[in-house]
């Protein structure tokens, strides 16, 4: 019994050491340019395959040019709440122990617009008790040719910093592209492409790919044009 417990404890320790040594900012998207609306909420769940710099290999190297990286799957769960018609607050957490909190503000258009632009700001940490942090500045742009389909492009700058292992700062520059299907509840695909590096190292490309769903909560949602037409038809018949 004791040997089994010791073996299990060793596996847990190895897993935690790998997680701590290879932390990376969350690179997932699934966000168009629109706000969720005052009093509304949204729950998002996604399965993603992402890449990360291998910080443990960098720690043992000097003057490295080719940054080592590895790929890993993760499940991410997030939520948004509409404080006003234009302003959302949001949180995201995934199985790699990333936790992000931030805001999103719709600058162009409204929730009925065919084109929308929003900006955001997020602060994230890798593990609640680690010293690895990241600040993210995304810009969300989307085109909605129909009520149940949208295309989005979200450029994003991420600065990751930590006192752990002497990492002074890493910059991620890139963005996410994707498609969303649905109105209040949506399903979509997301692709992220980034360049990451620091002053002391070279830079590499990182990618992420995922599928996910978003589920709207609340009653303050725009009515579809078909519902509006049916209402007008009923009124005219009366």
Protein backbone atom coordinates (compact mmCIF):
# COMPACT_ATOMS: atom_id res chain seq x y z
CA UNK A 1 0.00 0.00 0.00
CA UNK A 2 2.84 2.35 0.91
CA UNK A 3 4.69 1.59 -2.34
CA UNK A 4 1.58 2.42 -4.36
CA UNK A 5 1.16 5.74 -2.53
CA UNK A 6 4.83 6.59 -3.06
CA UNK A 7 4.58 5.79 -6.79
CA UNK A 8 1.46 7.96 -7.11
CA UNK A 9 3.17 10.81 -5.23
CA UNK A 10 6.20 10.61 -7.51
CA UNK A 11 3.98 10.87 -10.61
CA UNK A 12 2.21 13.91 -9.15
CA UNK A 13 5.52 15.62 -8.37
CA UNK A 14 6.89 14.94 -11.87
CA UNK A 15 3.69 16.27 -13.43
CA UNK A 16 3.82 19.48 -11.37
CA UNK A 17 7.50 20.02 -12.19
CA UNK A 18 6.75 19.69 -15.92
CA UNK A 19 3.85 22.13 -15.64
CA UNK A 20 5.90 24.72 -13.73
CA UNK A 21 8.88 24.47 -16.08
CA UNK A 22 6.94 24.82 -19.32
CA UNK A 23 4.33 27.48 -18.61
CA UNK A 24 2.87 29.42 -21.51
CA UNK A 25 0.24 32.12 -21.90
CA UNK A 26 -3.17 31.00 -23.17
CA UNK A 27 -3.33 31.47 -26.96
CA UNK A 28 -7.00 30.62 -27.54
CA UNK A 29 -9.54 32.96 -29.15
CA UNK A 30 -13.24 32.31 -29.94
CA UNK A 31 -14.06 36.03 -29.59
CA UNK A 32 -15.72 38.25 -32.19
CA UNK A 33 -15.97 42.03 -31.99
CA UNK A 34 -19.34 42.17 -30.24
CA UNK A 35 -20.18 42.54 -26.58
CA UNK A 36 -22.52 40.07 -24.90
CA UNK A 37 -25.04 42.74 -23.81
CA UNK A 38 -26.01 44.24 -20.47
CA UNK A 39 -27.14 41.64 -17.96
CA UNK A 40 -26.30 38.72 -20.25
CA UNK A 41 -23.75 36.01 -19.65
CA UNK A 42 -21.84 33.53 -21.76
CA UNK A 43 -20.10 30.25 -20.99
CA UNK A 44 -17.41 29.00 -23.40
CA UNK A 45 -15.81 25.54 -23.52
CA UNK A 46 -13.09 24.53 -25.97
CA UNK A 47 -10.61 21.73 -26.73
CA UNK A 48 -7.29 23.05 -28.05
CA UNK A 49 -3.88 21.86 -29.21
CA UNK A 50 -1.23 24.48 -28.43
CA UNK A 51 2.52 24.98 -28.47
CA UNK A 52 4.71 26.47 -25.75
CA UNK A 53 8.38 27.45 -25.34
CA UNK A 54 10.19 24.88 -23.19
CA UNK A 55 11.45 27.15 -20.43
CA UNK A 56 13.25 24.36 -18.57
CA UNK A 57 15.56 23.78 -21.56
CA UNK A 58 16.18 27.52 -21.91
CA UNK A 59 17.16 27.76 -18.26
CA UNK A 60 20.05 25.34 -18.85
CA UNK A 61 21.26 27.09 -22.01
CA UNK A 62 23.16 30.30 -22.70
CA UNK A 63 22.94 32.35 -25.86
CA UNK A 64 20.36 30.00 -27.35
CA UNK A 65 19.11 30.87 -30.82
CA UNK A 66 16.70 28.03 -31.56
CA UNK A 67 14.07 28.16 -28.84
CA UNK A 68 12.83 24.66 -27.94
CA UNK A 69 9.08 24.11 -27.89
CA UNK A 70 6.55 21.33 -27.36
CA UNK A 71 2.86 20.72 -28.13
CA UNK A 72 0.12 19.83 -25.67
CA UNK A 73 -3.70 19.54 -25.56
CA UNK A 74 -5.83 21.50 -23.14
CA UNK A 75 -9.43 22.14 -22.23
CA UNK A 76 -10.39 25.75 -21.55
CA UNK A 77 -13.51 27.07 -19.83
CA UNK A 78 -14.40 30.75 -19.80
CA UNK A 79 -17.19 33.14 -18.99
CA UNK A 80 -18.32 36.67 -19.85
CA UNK A 81 -20.81 39.00 -18.20
CA UNK A 82 -22.21 42.20 -19.71
CA UNK A 83 -21.78 45.09 -17.28
CA UNK A 84 -23.21 47.48 -19.89
CA UNK A 85 -24.31 47.10 -23.51
CA UNK A 86 -20.70 47.74 -24.59
CA UNK A 87 -18.57 46.52 -21.66
CA UNK A 88 -17.94 42.89 -20.64
CA UNK A 89 -15.89 41.36 -17.86
CA UNK A 90 -14.40 37.92 -18.51
CA UNK A 91 -12.46 35.04 -16.98
CA UNK A 92 -10.70 32.04 -18.55
CA UNK A 93 -9.10 28.96 -17.00
CA UNK A 94 -7.65 25.83 -18.61
CA UNK A 95 -6.21 22.46 -17.72
CA UNK A 96 -2.65 23.83 -18.05
CA UNK A 97 -3.34 25.98 -14.97
CA UNK A 98 -3.65 29.24 -16.91
CA UNK A 99 -6.01 31.72 -15.27
CA UNK A 100 -6.95 35.00 -17.00
CA UNK A 101 -9.29 37.83 -16.04
CA UNK A 102 -10.03 40.94 -18.07
CA UNK A 103 -12.43 43.28 -19.83
CA UNK A 104 -13.71 43.76 -23.37
CA UNK A 105 -15.26 46.92 -24.83
CA UNK A 106 -17.08 47.17 -28.17
CA UNK A 107 -15.85 50.25 -30.03
CA UNK A 108 -17.55 49.93 -33.43
CA UNK A 109 -21.08 48.76 -34.14
CA UNK A 110 -23.67 47.19 -31.87
CA UNK A 111 -25.01 43.68 -31.38
CA UNK A 112 -27.06 43.94 -34.60
CA UNK A 113 -24.20 45.21 -36.77
CA UNK A 114 -22.72 43.31 -39.68
CA UNK A 115 -19.25 44.59 -38.71
CA UNK A 116 -17.90 45.02 -35.18
CA UNK A 117 -14.63 45.98 -33.49
CA UNK A 118 -13.77 45.61 -29.82
CA UNK A 119 -10.68 46.01 -27.64
CA UNK A 120 -9.69 44.22 -24.48
CA UNK A 121 -7.18 43.87 -21.69
CA UNK A 122 -6.34 40.75 -19.69
CA UNK A 123 -4.03 39.81 -16.85
CA UNK A 124 -3.16 36.14 -16.52
CA UNK A 125 -1.13 33.85 -14.30
CA UNK A 126 0.25 30.36 -14.76
CA UNK A 127 -0.91 28.58 -11.62
CA UNK A 128 -2.41 30.52 -8.74
CA UNK A 129 0.79 30.27 -6.71
CA UNK A 130 3.44 30.74 -9.40
CA UNK A 131 5.39 33.88 -10.25
CA UNK A 132 4.74 33.60 -13.99
CA UNK A 133 2.36 36.31 -15.26
CA UNK A 134 1.20 37.68 -18.60
CA UNK A 135 -0.54 40.85 -19.77
CA UNK A 136 -2.59 40.67 -22.97
CA UNK A 137 -3.91 43.42 -25.27
CA UNK A 138 -6.28 41.97 -27.92
CA UNK A 139 -8.22 43.75 -30.68
CA UNK A 140 -11.33 41.94 -31.94
CA UNK A 141 -12.73 42.47 -35.45
CA UNK A 142 -15.57 40.44 -36.95
CA UNK A 143 -17.86 40.30 -39.95
CA UNK A 144 -21.38 38.87 -39.61
CA UNK A 145 -22.86 38.22 -43.09
CA UNK A 146 -25.84 36.43 -41.51
CA UNK A 147 -27.36 36.20 -38.04
CA UNK A 148 -25.91 32.72 -37.53
CA UNK A 149 -22.44 32.99 -39.03
CA UNK A 150 -19.43 35.20 -38.34
CA UNK A 151 -15.75 35.45 -39.25
CA UNK A 152 -13.35 37.01 -36.78
CA UNK A 153 -9.75 38.19 -36.69
CA UNK A 154 -8.19 39.12 -33.35
CA UNK A 155 -4.61 40.51 -33.30
CA UNK A 156 -3.05 40.25 -29.84
CA UNK A 157 0.12 41.30 -28.01
CA UNK A 158 1.16 39.33 -24.91
CA UNK A 159 3.96 40.20 -22.50
CA UNK A 160 4.94 37.34 -20.17
CA UNK A 161 7.12 38.11 -17.18
CA UNK A 162 8.41 36.36 -14.09
CA UNK A 163 11.09 36.38 -11.41
CA UNK A 164 11.03 32.57 -11.53
CA UNK A 165 14.11 31.02 -13.18
CA UNK A 166 15.42 34.49 -14.01
CA UNK A 167 13.02 35.08 -16.92
CA UNK A 168 12.94 38.83 -17.50
CA UNK A 169 10.24 39.00 -20.13
CA UNK A 170 8.83 37.30 -23.22
CA UNK A 171 6.83 38.93 -26.00
CA UNK A 172 4.13 37.19 -28.03
CA UNK A 173 2.87 38.93 -31.18
CA UNK A 174 0.22 37.41 -33.40
CA UNK A 175 -3.48 36.74 -33.34
CA UNK A 176 -6.41 34.39 -33.77
CA UNK A 177 -8.66 33.67 -36.72
CA UNK A 178 -11.86 31.68 -36.66
CA UNK A 179 -15.43 30.94 -37.67
CA UNK A 180 -18.50 30.90 -35.41
CA UNK A 181 -21.84 29.28 -36.26
CA UNK A 182 -25.04 30.04 -34.35
CA UNK A 183 -26.81 32.94 -32.70
CA UNK A 184 -27.26 32.78 -28.94
CA UNK A 185 -25.46 29.42 -28.74
CA UNK A 186 -22.46 29.06 -31.03
CA UNK A 187 -19.97 26.48 -32.26
CA UNK A 188 -16.69 27.33 -33.92
CA UNK A 189 -13.08 26.71 -34.93
CA UNK A 190 -10.12 28.79 -33.79
CA UNK A 191 -6.55 29.08 -35.10
CA UNK A 192 -3.83 31.07 -33.35
CA UNK A 193 -0.48 32.06 -34.89
CA UNK A 194 2.17 33.85 -32.80
CA UNK A 195 5.85 34.78 -32.75
CA UNK A 196 7.48 34.55 -29.34
CA UNK A 197 10.91 35.35 -27.97
CA UNK A 198 13.01 37.54 -25.70
CA UNK A 199 15.93 39.92 -26.16
CA UNK A 200 18.44 37.25 -25.16
CA UNK A 201 17.05 34.55 -27.48
CA UNK A 202 15.80 33.98 -30.97
CA UNK A 203 12.13 33.96 -31.92
CA UNK A 204 9.94 31.07 -32.97
CA UNK A 205 6.44 30.61 -34.30
CA UNK A 206 3.80 29.07 -32.04
CA UNK A 207 0.41 27.84 -33.20
CA UNK A 208 -2.81 26.71 -31.58
CA UNK A 209 -5.88 25.03 -33.04
CA UNK A 210 -9.16 24.20 -31.37
CA UNK A 211 -12.87 23.61 -31.52
CA UNK A 212 -15.34 25.01 -29.02
CA UNK A 213 -18.82 26.09 -28.10
CA UNK A 214 -20.30 29.24 -26.54
CA UNK A 215 -23.62 29.22 -24.67
CA UNK A 216 -25.55 32.42 -24.04
CA UNK A 217 -27.29 33.17 -20.74
CA UNK A 218 -29.96 35.83 -20.22
CA UNK A 219 -32.87 37.34 -22.16
CA UNK A 220 -31.37 40.59 -23.45
CA UNK A 221 -30.53 39.28 -26.92
CA UNK A 222 -31.43 40.84 -30.29
CA UNK A 223 -34.42 39.19 -31.93
CA UNK A 224 -33.79 37.59 -35.30
CA UNK A 225 -35.15 39.21 -38.43
CA UNK A 226 -37.43 36.22 -39.01
CA UNK A 227 -39.07 36.76 -35.62
CA UNK A 228 -39.43 40.45 -36.32
CA UNK A 229 -41.06 39.69 -39.67
CA UNK A 230 -43.51 37.25 -38.07
CA UNK A 231 -44.45 39.86 -35.45
CA UNK A 232 -45.06 42.45 -38.15
CA UNK A 233 -47.17 39.94 -40.11
CA UNK A 234 -49.33 39.20 -37.06
CA UNK A 235 -49.80 42.91 -36.35
CA UNK A 236 -50.78 43.67 -39.94
CA UNK A 237 -53.29 40.81 -39.96
CA UNK A 238 -54.91 42.20 -36.81
